[in-house]
Amino acid sequence: MRLSRYFLPVLKETPAEAQIASHRLMLRAGMIKQASAGIYSWLPLGFKVLRKLENIVHEEQVRAGHIPMLMPTLQSADLWRESGRYDDYGAEMLRIKDRQDRDMLYGPTNEELITDIFRAHVGSYKDLPLTLYHIQWKFRDEMRPRFGVMRGREFLMKDGYNFDLTKEDALHSYNRHLVSYLRTYERMGLQAIPMRADSGPIGGDDTHEFLVLADTGESEVFYDSAITDLRFGDRAIDYDDPAQCRAVLEEFTSRYARTDETHDAAFFAQIPEDRRRVARGIEVGQIFYFGTKYSEPMGATVQGPDGKPVPVHMGSHGIGVSRLVGAIIEASHDDKGIIWPEGVTPFHAGIVNLKQGDPQADAACEAIYAALVALGLEPLYDDRDERAGGKFATMDLIGLPWRITVGPRGLKNGVVELTSRRSGESEELPPEQAVERLARAYAGHVLRPSL
């Protein structure tokens, strides 16, 4: 993409309403624009990142054996009355009426709707286990929406739902989700720590939240620092093997890590003092096992092996896809702007032409651009007739992992400058070697065209 043809409305000044780094930088980098309180338009740069995160979530869900679908944003209130949650959920639920005076709601979650789908189409234990998921916009009418996409009213969420014959099977689904989430977050350049949490209005006894450590996190967290040394890495996991999934869960949850809602001070005190940590965390996902909480009142049963109807055991599993954009920025930025991890960056490299209109500089930039595209990379070429300082400031603000700077002086010596956004280190290389260096940097990442 050539910047002269792109829509990137960057701001020089920080908007007064932005209180945290991610909100400030997303507004300044032209990623979002507020439409109303807690509701945002996703502009092209922000939308590219959002779609990259969504693709990673889809890939890891499918890898774990989960089946994608799509449910509507509007739901009938009758289903929620069946489950008993319509009057219990609270003012966060946006309740509306259609022209036939039927009670409707803008879905904050989908347990009732997916249970209705299941009971209409699944009747035998032979059809289990089954896990369905979708990525859909949700609405929760927060009393005080703030912090940009971190606590908005409208948000993009992946929510998945498992249906199993027994509690043992359902807990395997729970463990499988935990494993898939660990891999998902690592692909995004995040370390998300699973922490024992409170189930809230979803219900159930078993639940873990995934939190990213950040000073601006909404939750106080208590953890054993040894957990931050753990990495999922490239290990091969058979998601159909309960023992393998359980082993990973035990590895990542055996060390103390809890939110303030479930914190046990006495238990925490048993950890060696040098490993005790108290910090803030941003929730980016949560998994639940809630047994027959929804299947029993809504009649979601299957015929068991003995021919008798059995209520299925269920769980739900969410990832805040739009919230993740903010969480990544909170975890990865500096005073100049965003620092995108390679796996989620909107463009893989920026090309800065220091003297637009110079025949040699223009030709070198075009050649580098073409070489990167041929490798399956997406460069952003700043071909504007602007001062070099302004071009550098834009690249630092939007946070692309790599920048190639091309100018007449360097070209006389046969080199361009390759700069790492994260380290700030620069190296002069022949153009072909700079391209090769970027090819190696992205060798382990899945490359695909994005919007």
Protein backbone atom coordinates (compact mmCIF):
# COMPACT_ATOMS: atom_id res chain seq x y z
CA MET A 1 0.00 0.00 0.00
CA ARG A 2 1.17 3.52 -0.87
CA LEU A 3 0.53 5.97 1.91
CA SER A 4 -0.47 8.67 -0.57
CA ARG A 5 -3.46 6.46 -1.52
CA TYR A 6 -4.32 5.20 1.96
CA PHE A 7 -6.75 6.62 4.50
CA LEU A 8 -4.66 7.21 7.62
CA PRO A 9 -5.98 10.26 9.53
CA VAL A 10 -3.21 10.55 12.16
CA LEU A 11 -3.54 13.21 14.86
CA LYS A 12 -0.67 15.32 16.15
CA GLU A 13 -2.38 16.19 19.43
CA THR A 14 -3.66 13.77 22.02
CA PRO A 15 -7.47 13.93 22.39
CA ALA A 16 -8.50 15.13 25.84
CA GLU A 17 -10.82 12.17 26.48
CA ALA A 18 -8.05 9.57 26.09
CA GLN A 19 -6.97 8.39 29.55
CA ILE A 20 -4.80 5.36 28.79
CA ALA A 21 -2.08 4.60 26.26
CA SER A 22 -4.08 2.31 23.97
CA HIS A 23 -6.97 4.76 23.65
CA ARG A 24 -4.62 7.67 23.06
CA LEU A 25 -2.50 5.85 20.47
CA MET A 26 -5.44 4.28 18.61
CA LEU A 27 -6.99 7.71 18.17
CA ARG A 28 -3.71 9.37 17.21
CA ALA A 29 -2.76 6.57 14.78
CA GLY A 30 -6.07 6.90 12.96
CA MET A 31 -7.25 3.41 13.96
CA ILE A 32 -10.64 4.32 15.43
CA LYS A 33 -13.08 7.21 15.71
CA GLN A 34 -15.70 7.47 18.41
CA ALA A 35 -19.27 7.33 17.09
CA SER A 36 -20.92 7.69 20.51
CA ALA A 37 -20.05 6.81 24.10
CA GLY A 38 -18.30 3.44 24.09
CA ILE A 39 -18.99 2.83 20.38
CA TYR A 40 -16.30 3.21 17.70
CA SER A 41 -15.86 3.14 13.96
CA TRP A 42 -12.86 1.02 13.00
CA LEU A 43 -10.85 2.93 10.42
CA PRO A 44 -8.68 1.07 7.86
CA LEU A 45 -5.54 0.65 9.99
CA GLY A 46 -7.48 -0.50 13.04
CA PHE A 47 -9.67 -2.74 10.93
CA LYS A 48 -6.59 -4.49 9.46
CA VAL A 49 -5.33 -5.33 12.95
CA LEU A 50 -8.79 -6.43 14.07
CA ARG A 51 -9.08 -8.81 11.11
CA LYS A 52 -5.59 -10.24 11.74
CA LEU A 53 -6.54 -11.06 15.32
CA GLU A 54 -9.84 -12.54 14.16
CA ASN A 55 -8.01 -14.77 11.67
CA ILE A 56 -5.66 -16.08 14.36
CA VAL A 57 -8.60 -16.87 16.62
CA HIS A 58 -10.40 -18.71 13.81
CA GLU A 59 -7.29 -20.73 12.92
CA GLU A 60 -6.67 -21.86 16.49
CA GLN A 61 -10.32 -22.69 17.10
CA VAL A 62 -10.46 -24.85 13.98
CA ARG A 63 -7.13 -26.45 14.93
CA ALA A 64 -8.72 -27.47 18.23
CA GLY A 65 -11.66 -29.10 16.42
CA HIS A 66 -14.25 -26.39 16.99
CA ILE A 67 -16.83 -25.56 14.31
CA PRO A 68 -17.48 -21.95 13.19
CA MET A 69 -20.95 -20.53 12.62
CA LEU A 70 -22.67 -17.16 12.99
CA MET A 71 -25.56 -16.15 15.25
CA PRO A 72 -27.54 -12.90 15.06
CA THR A 73 -26.87 -9.83 17.18
CA LEU A 74 -30.57 -9.49 18.13
CA GLN A 75 -32.17 -12.20 20.25
CA SER A 76 -35.66 -12.99 21.48
CA ALA A 77 -36.30 -12.23 25.15
CA ASP A 78 -38.35 -15.44 25.36
CA LEU A 79 -35.20 -17.59 25.27
CA TRP A 80 -33.70 -15.64 28.15
CA ARG A 81 -36.89 -16.03 30.14
CA GLU A 82 -36.60 -19.79 29.67
CA SER A 83 -33.14 -19.80 31.20
CA GLY A 84 -34.15 -17.39 33.96
CA ARG A 85 -31.58 -14.76 33.04
CA TYR A 86 -33.75 -12.11 31.39
CA ASP A 87 -34.62 -10.34 34.64
CA ASP A 88 -31.37 -11.25 36.39
CA TYR A 89 -28.83 -9.94 33.90
CA GLY A 90 -29.10 -6.27 34.86
CA ALA A 91 -29.07 -2.89 33.16
CA GLU A 92 -26.10 -3.84 30.96
CA MET A 93 -28.56 -5.67 28.69
CA LEU A 94 -30.03 -3.43 25.99
CA ARG A 95 -33.73 -4.36 25.88
CA ILE A 96 -35.80 -3.29 22.88
CA LYS A 97 -39.16 -4.00 21.21
CA ASP A 98 -39.77 -4.65 17.56
CA ARG A 99 -42.76 -3.25 15.61
CA GLN A 100 -44.86 -6.24 16.68
CA ASP A 101 -44.24 -5.24 20.32
CA ARG A 102 -42.13 -8.36 20.91
CA ASP A 103 -39.41 -8.14 23.54
CA MET A 104 -35.95 -8.34 21.97
CA LEU A 105 -32.42 -7.71 23.18
CA TYR A 106 -29.04 -6.90 21.69
CA GLY A 107 -27.04 -9.97 22.65
CA PRO A 108 -24.43 -9.55 25.39
CA THR A 109 -23.68 -13.29 25.10
CA ASN A 110 -25.21 -16.34 23.39
CA GLU A 111 -25.72 -19.23 25.83
CA GLU A 112 -29.51 -19.24 25.33
CA LEU A 113 -29.42 -18.93 21.56
CA ILE A 114 -26.86 -21.69 21.06
CA THR A 115 -28.79 -23.98 23.45
CA ASP A 116 -31.93 -23.42 21.38
CA ILE A 117 -30.02 -24.35 18.21
CA PHE A 118 -28.63 -27.47 19.87
CA ARG A 119 -31.96 -28.75 21.21
CA ALA A 120 -33.59 -28.30 17.81
CA HIS A 121 -31.03 -30.38 15.90
CA VAL A 122 -29.14 -32.75 18.22
CA GLY A 123 -30.93 -35.67 19.82
CA SER A 124 -28.44 -38.49 20.42
CA TYR A 125 -25.32 -38.97 22.52
CA LYS A 126 -23.71 -40.28 19.33
CA ASP A 127 -23.60 -36.68 18.04
CA LEU A 128 -21.41 -35.62 20.95
CA PRO A 129 -18.98 -34.09 21.72
CA LEU A 130 -19.79 -30.89 19.85
CA THR A 131 -18.27 -27.43 20.11
CA LEU A 132 -19.67 -24.53 18.09
CA TYR A 133 -18.35 -20.98 18.07
CA HIS A 134 -18.72 -17.68 16.30
CA ILE A 135 -17.10 -14.24 16.23
CA GLN A 136 -19.80 -11.60 16.51
CA TRP A 137 -20.43 -8.08 17.76
CA LYS A 138 -21.87 -7.84 21.28
CA PHE A 139 -23.40 -4.99 23.23
CA ARG A 140 -23.31 -4.37 26.97
CA ASP A 141 -24.59 -1.04 28.17
CA GLU A 142 -21.73 -0.12 30.49
CA MET A 143 -22.64 2.56 33.01
CA ARG A 144 -19.32 4.35 32.44
CA PRO A 145 -17.73 3.30 29.13
CA ARG A 146 -14.12 4.43 29.10
CA PHE A 147 -10.60 3.54 28.01
CA GLY A 148 -11.54 3.31 24.34
CA VAL A 149 -11.98 -0.26 23.08
CA MET A 150 -10.88 -1.62 26.45
CA ARG A 151 -14.24 -0.91 28.05
CA GLY A 152 -16.64 -0.02 25.30
CA ARG A 153 -20.30 -0.85 24.95
CA GLU A 154 -20.04 -2.50 21.54
CA PHE A 155 -17.27 -5.05 21.08
CA LEU A 156 -16.20 -7.95 18.87
CA MET A 157 -16.04 -11.25 20.70
CA LYS A 158 -15.38 -14.89 19.95
CA ASP A 159 -17.73 -17.02 22.00
CA GLY A 160 -17.72 -20.80 21.81
CA TYR A 161 -20.00 -23.39 23.41
CA ASN A 162 -19.32 -27.06 24.09
CA PHE A 163 -21.92 -29.80 24.51
CA ASP A 164 -20.86 -33.04 26.15
CA LEU A 165 -22.52 -36.12 27.58
CA THR A 166 -20.69 -36.19 30.92
CA LYS A 167 -18.91 -33.83 33.25
CA GLU A 168 -15.64 -35.61 32.50
CA ASP A 169 -16.08 -34.98 28.77
CA ALA A 170 -17.02 -31.35 29.40
CA LEU A 171 -13.92 -30.79 31.52
CA HIS A 172 -11.82 -32.12 28.64
CA SER A 173 -13.48 -29.48 26.45
CA TYR A 174 -12.57 -26.92 29.11
CA ASN A 175 -8.95 -28.04 29.13
CA ARG A 176 -8.83 -28.11 25.32
CA HIS A 177 -10.01 -24.51 25.21
CA LEU A 178 -7.36 -23.45 27.70
CA VAL A 179 -4.66 -25.01 25.54
CA SER A 180 -6.00 -23.39 22.35
CA TYR A 181 -6.13 -20.00 24.07
CA LEU A 182 -2.52 -20.24 25.22
CA ARG A 183 -1.44 -20.87 21.63
CA THR A 184 -3.72 -18.07 20.35
CA TYR A 185 -2.31 -15.40 22.64
CA GLU A 186 1.29 -16.37 22.04
CA ARG A 187 0.75 -16.05 18.29
CA MET A 188 -0.37 -12.49 18.98
CA GLY A 189 2.84 -11.71 20.85
CA LEU A 190 1.11 -11.75 24.25
CA GLN A 191 1.66 -13.65 27.46
CA ALA A 192 -1.84 -14.12 28.84
CA ILE A 193 -1.85 -15.75 32.29
CA PRO A 194 -4.76 -18.06 33.15
CA MET A 195 -6.11 -17.06 36.57
CA ARG A 196 -8.80 -18.61 38.74
CA ALA A 197 -11.73 -16.20 38.55
CA ASP A 198 -15.35 -15.54 39.46
CA SER A 199 -18.01 -16.74 37.02
CA GLY A 200 -20.26 -13.66 37.29
CA PRO A 201 -23.61 -13.73 35.44
CA ILE A 202 -22.51 -16.61 33.18
CA GLY A 203 -22.60 -19.01 36.12
CA GLY A 204 -20.75 -22.24 36.86
CA ASP A 205 -18.10 -23.50 39.24
CA ASP A 206 -15.01 -23.79 37.05
CA THR A 207 -13.66 -20.70 35.32
CA HIS A 208 -10.35 -19.12 34.39
CA GLU A 209 -9.73 -15.65 33.08
CA PHE A 210 -6.77 -14.87 30.84
CA LEU A 211 -5.08 -11.64 31.84
CA VAL A 212 -2.31 -9.61 30.26
CA LEU A 213 -0.20 -7.72 32.79
CA ALA A 214 -0.42 -3.95 32.30
CA ASP A 215 -0.35 -0.95 34.63
CA THR A 216 -3.72 0.21 33.30
CA GLY A 217 -5.47 -3.12 33.89
CA GLU A 218 -8.89 -2.99 35.50
CA SER A 219 -8.21 -5.97 37.79
CA GLU A 220 -5.77 -6.34 40.66
CA VAL A 221 -3.97 -9.67 40.29
CA PHE A 222 -1.84 -11.79 42.60
CA TYR A 223 0.55 -14.35 41.17
CA ASP A 224 3.68 -16.42 41.58
CA SER A 225 6.32 -14.86 39.29
CA ALA A 226 7.40 -18.37 38.22
CA ILE A 227 4.33 -18.49 35.97
CA THR A 228 5.73 -15.74 33.75
CA ASP A 229 8.57 -18.08 32.71
CA LEU A 230 6.14 -20.48 31.06
CA ARG A 231 5.71 -20.53 27.27
CA PHE A 232 3.52 -22.74 25.12
CA GLY A 233 5.96 -22.50 22.22
CA ASP A 234 5.80 -24.88 19.27
CA ARG A 235 4.83 -27.98 21.22
CA ALA A 236 2.60 -30.41 19.34
CA ILE A 237 -0.65 -31.18 21.14
CA ASP A 238 -3.25 -33.77 20.25
CA TYR A 239 -6.43 -31.94 21.18
CA ASP A 240 -8.36 -35.22 21.25
CA ASP A 241 -6.09 -36.60 23.99
CA PRO A 242 -7.52 -35.66 27.42
CA ALA A 243 -4.25 -36.51 29.18
CA GLN A 244 -2.19 -34.13 27.04
CA CYS A 245 -4.65 -31.26 27.46
CA ARG A 246 -4.93 -31.87 31.21
CA ALA A 247 -1.13 -31.86 31.54
CA VAL A 248 -0.91 -28.45 29.89
CA LEU A 249 -3.68 -27.09 32.10
CA GLU A 250 -1.92 -28.35 35.22
CA GLU A 251 1.38 -26.88 34.07
CA PHE A 252 -0.10 -23.43 33.54
CA THR A 253 -2.49 -23.36 36.51
CA SER A 254 -0.55 -25.14 39.25
CA ARG A 255 1.27 -21.92 40.19
CA TYR A 256 -0.71 -19.33 42.09
CA ALA A 257 -2.44 -16.74 39.88
CA ARG A 258 -5.74 -15.17 40.85
CA THR A 259 -7.79 -12.04 40.41
CA ASP A 260 -8.80 -9.96 43.41
CA GLU A 261 -12.24 -11.64 43.35
CA THR A 262 -10.83 -15.08 44.22
CA HIS A 263 -7.59 -14.11 45.97
CA ASP A 264 -6.65 -16.28 48.99
CA ALA A 265 -4.25 -14.29 51.17
CA ALA A 266 -3.25 -17.28 53.30
CA PHE A 267 -2.46 -19.41 50.26
CA PHE A 268 -0.57 -16.53 48.63
CA ALA A 269 1.57 -16.12 51.77
CA GLN A 270 2.91 -19.66 51.34
CA ILE A 271 4.72 -18.64 48.12
CA PRO A 272 8.35 -17.58 48.65
CA GLU A 273 8.36 -13.82 49.21
CA ASP A 274 10.73 -13.09 46.32
CA ARG A 275 8.21 -14.67 43.91
CA ARG A 276 5.04 -12.95 45.17
CA ARG A 277 3.73 -10.34 42.76
CA VAL A 278 0.81 -7.91 42.95
CA ALA A 279 0.01 -6.11 39.71
CA ARG A 280 -2.76 -4.99 37.38
CA GLY A 281 -4.15 -7.11 34.56
CA ILE A 282 -6.32 -6.73 31.48
CA GLU A 283 -8.84 -9.51 30.89
CA VAL A 284 -8.69 -10.76 27.30
CA GLY A 285 -10.63 -14.01 27.59
CA GLN A 286 -12.46 -16.38 29.92
CA ILE A 287 -13.51 -20.03 29.89
CA PHE A 288 -16.38 -21.56 31.87
CA TYR A 289 -17.76 -24.97 32.72
CA PHE A 290 -21.32 -24.66 34.00
CA GLY A 291 -22.69 -28.17 33.69
CA THR A 292 -26.45 -28.33 33.11
CA LYS A 293 -27.25 -24.73 34.15
CA TYR A 294 -28.80 -23.99 30.74
CA SER A 295 -29.56 -27.43 29.35
CA GLU A 296 -31.90 -28.46 32.18
CA PRO A 297 -34.26 -25.43 32.20
CA MET A 298 -34.23 -25.23 28.40
CA GLY A 299 -34.70 -28.93 27.74
CA ALA A 300 -31.41 -29.49 25.89
CA THR A 301 -31.20 -33.25 26.28
CA VAL A 302 -29.94 -36.16 24.23
CA GLN A 303 -30.86 -39.81 24.26
CA GLY A 304 -28.20 -41.52 26.36
CA PRO A 305 -26.72 -44.99 25.79
CA ASP A 306 -29.55 -46.47 27.88
CA GLY A 307 -32.22 -44.75 25.76
CA LYS A 308 -33.16 -42.25 28.46
CA PRO A 309 -32.96 -38.44 28.01
CA VAL A 310 -29.88 -36.86 29.55
CA PRO A 311 -29.27 -33.09 29.93
CA VAL A 312 -25.98 -32.22 28.26
CA HIS A 313 -23.05 -30.69 30.11
CA MET A 314 -22.02 -27.32 28.72
CA GLY A 315 -19.35 -24.67 28.88
CA SER A 316 -18.71 -21.35 27.21
CA HIS A 317 -15.43 -19.80 26.15
CA GLY A 318 -14.86 -16.18 25.14
CA ILE A 319 -12.07 -14.08 23.68
CA GLY A 320 -12.44 -10.30 23.48
CA VAL A 321 -11.13 -9.78 19.93
CA SER A 322 -11.58 -6.00 19.77
CA ARG A 323 -10.34 -5.61 23.35
CA LEU A 324 -7.19 -7.50 22.37
CA VAL A 325 -6.18 -4.65 20.06
CA GLY A 326 -6.04 -2.33 23.05
CA ALA A 327 -4.39 -4.93 25.27
CA ILE A 328 -1.57 -5.51 22.79
CA ILE A 329 -0.91 -1.77 22.62
CA GLU A 330 -0.96 -1.46 26.42
CA ALA A 331 1.64 -4.23 26.59
CA SER A 332 3.75 -2.99 23.67
CA HIS A 333 4.31 0.76 23.20
CA ASP A 334 6.70 3.56 24.04
CA ASP A 335 6.63 7.35 24.09
CA LYS A 336 6.75 7.51 20.30
CA GLY A 337 3.82 5.21 19.63
CA ILE A 338 2.72 1.61 19.13
CA ILE A 339 5.13 -1.33 18.74
CA TRP A 340 3.28 -4.13 16.94
CA PRO A 341 4.39 -7.76 17.34
CA GLU A 342 5.18 -9.31 13.95
CA GLY A 343 2.19 -11.66 14.11
CA VAL A 344 -0.45 -8.92 14.20
CA THR A 345 1.12 -5.88 12.56
CA PRO A 346 -1.15 -4.16 10.00
CA PHE A 347 1.79 -3.84 7.57
CA HIS A 348 4.98 -5.86 7.79
CA ALA A 349 7.38 -3.00 7.03
CA GLY A 350 7.38 0.68 6.27
CA ILE A 351 9.37 2.13 3.38
CA VAL A 352 10.41 5.76 3.82
CA ASN A 353 11.58 7.69 0.76
CA LEU A 354 13.71 10.58 2.02
CA LYS A 355 13.61 12.42 -1.30
CA GLN A 356 10.42 11.80 -3.17
CA GLY A 357 10.90 12.69 -6.85
CA ASP A 358 14.57 11.75 -6.94
CA PRO A 359 14.88 9.18 -9.77
CA GLN A 360 17.29 6.89 -7.92
CA ALA A 361 15.40 7.02 -4.62
CA ASP A 362 12.04 6.47 -6.32
CA ALA A 363 13.35 3.51 -8.31
CA ALA A 364 14.98 1.89 -5.26
CA CYS A 365 11.78 2.23 -3.22
CA GLU A 366 9.71 0.74 -6.02
CA ALA A 367 12.12 -2.20 -6.32
CA ILE A 368 12.08 -2.88 -2.57
CA TYR A 369 8.29 -2.59 -2.53
CA ALA A 370 7.96 -5.12 -5.37
CA ALA A 371 10.44 -7.52 -3.74
CA LEU A 372 8.55 -7.49 -0.43
CA VAL A 373 5.21 -8.04 -2.15
CA ALA A 374 6.70 -10.98 -4.07
CA LEU A 375 7.58 -12.57 -0.72
CA GLY A 376 3.98 -12.29 0.45
CA LEU A 377 4.71 -9.34 2.74
CA GLU A 378 2.62 -6.18 2.93
CA PRO A 379 4.75 -3.01 2.93
CA LEU A 380 3.47 0.50 3.55
CA TYR A 381 5.37 2.86 1.27
CA ASP A 382 5.45 6.47 2.47
CA ASP A 383 5.61 8.13 -0.92
CA ARG A 384 4.26 11.48 0.27
CA ASP A 385 6.06 14.71 -0.50
CA GLU A 386 6.64 15.41 3.19
CA ARG A 387 9.59 16.23 5.45
CA ALA A 388 11.66 13.25 6.64
CA GLY A 389 10.90 14.05 10.30
CA GLY A 390 7.17 13.84 9.70
CA LYS A 391 7.53 10.51 7.89
CA PHE A 392 9.61 9.05 10.72
CA ALA A 393 7.09 10.28 13.31
CA THR A 394 4.22 8.63 11.44
CA MET A 395 6.06 5.32 11.19
CA ASP A 396 6.94 5.39 14.89
CA LEU A 397 3.35 6.26 15.81
CA ILE A 398 1.70 3.44 13.84
CA GLY A 399 4.33 1.02 15.10
CA LEU A 400 5.31 -1.20 12.17
CA PRO A 401 8.01 -3.65 13.33
CA TRP A 402 10.50 -2.69 10.59
CA ARG A 403 11.34 0.42 8.60
CA ILE A 404 13.49 0.66 5.47
CA THR A 405 14.79 4.18 4.89
CA VAL A 406 15.91 5.05 1.36
CA GLY A 407 17.79 8.22 0.44
CA PRO A 408 20.20 9.51 -2.21
CA ARG A 409 23.16 9.63 0.17
CA GLY A 410 22.87 5.98 1.19
CA LEU A 411 22.19 4.84 -2.34
CA LYS A 412 25.48 6.37 -3.49
CA ASN A 413 27.13 3.84 -1.17
CA GLY A 414 24.78 1.08 -2.28
CA VAL A 415 22.89 0.83 1.03
CA VAL A 416 19.57 1.52 2.70
CA GLU A 417 18.84 1.69 6.43
CA LEU A 418 16.89 -1.11 8.14
CA THR A 419 15.50 -0.15 11.57
CA SER A 420 13.83 -2.32 14.21
CA ARG A 421 10.95 -0.48 15.86
CA ARG A 422 11.23 -2.53 19.06
CA SER A 423 14.98 -2.17 19.68
CA GLY A 424 15.54 1.08 17.79
CA GLU A 425 18.69 -0.39 16.27
CA SER A 426 19.54 0.48 12.65
CA GLU A 427 21.78 -1.24 10.15
CA GLU A 428 22.99 -0.18 6.73
CA LEU A 429 22.57 -2.92 4.14
CA PRO A 430 22.33 -3.31 0.39
CA PRO A 431 18.62 -3.26 -0.57
CA GLU A 432 18.57 -6.97 -1.44
CA GLN A 433 20.00 -7.90 1.97
CA ALA A 434 17.45 -5.71 3.75
CA VAL A 435 14.67 -7.59 1.96
CA GLU A 436 16.29 -10.93 2.87
CA ARG A 437 16.50 -9.85 6.52
CA LEU A 438 12.76 -9.12 6.57
CA ALA A 439 12.03 -12.48 4.92
CA ARG A 440 13.88 -14.20 7.79
CA ALA A 441 12.11 -12.06 10.40
CA TYR A 442 8.71 -13.25 9.16
CA ALA A 443 9.69 -16.82 8.33
CA GLY A 444 7.71 -18.28 11.26
CA HIS A 445 4.55 -16.27 10.67
CA VAL A 446 1.51 -17.11 8.59
CA LEU A 447 1.30 -14.54 5.80
CA ARG A 448 -1.92 -13.70 4.04
CA PRO A 449 -3.41 -10.65 2.36
CA SER A 450 -5.47 -8.56 4.75
CA LEU A 451 -7.96 -5.76 4.24
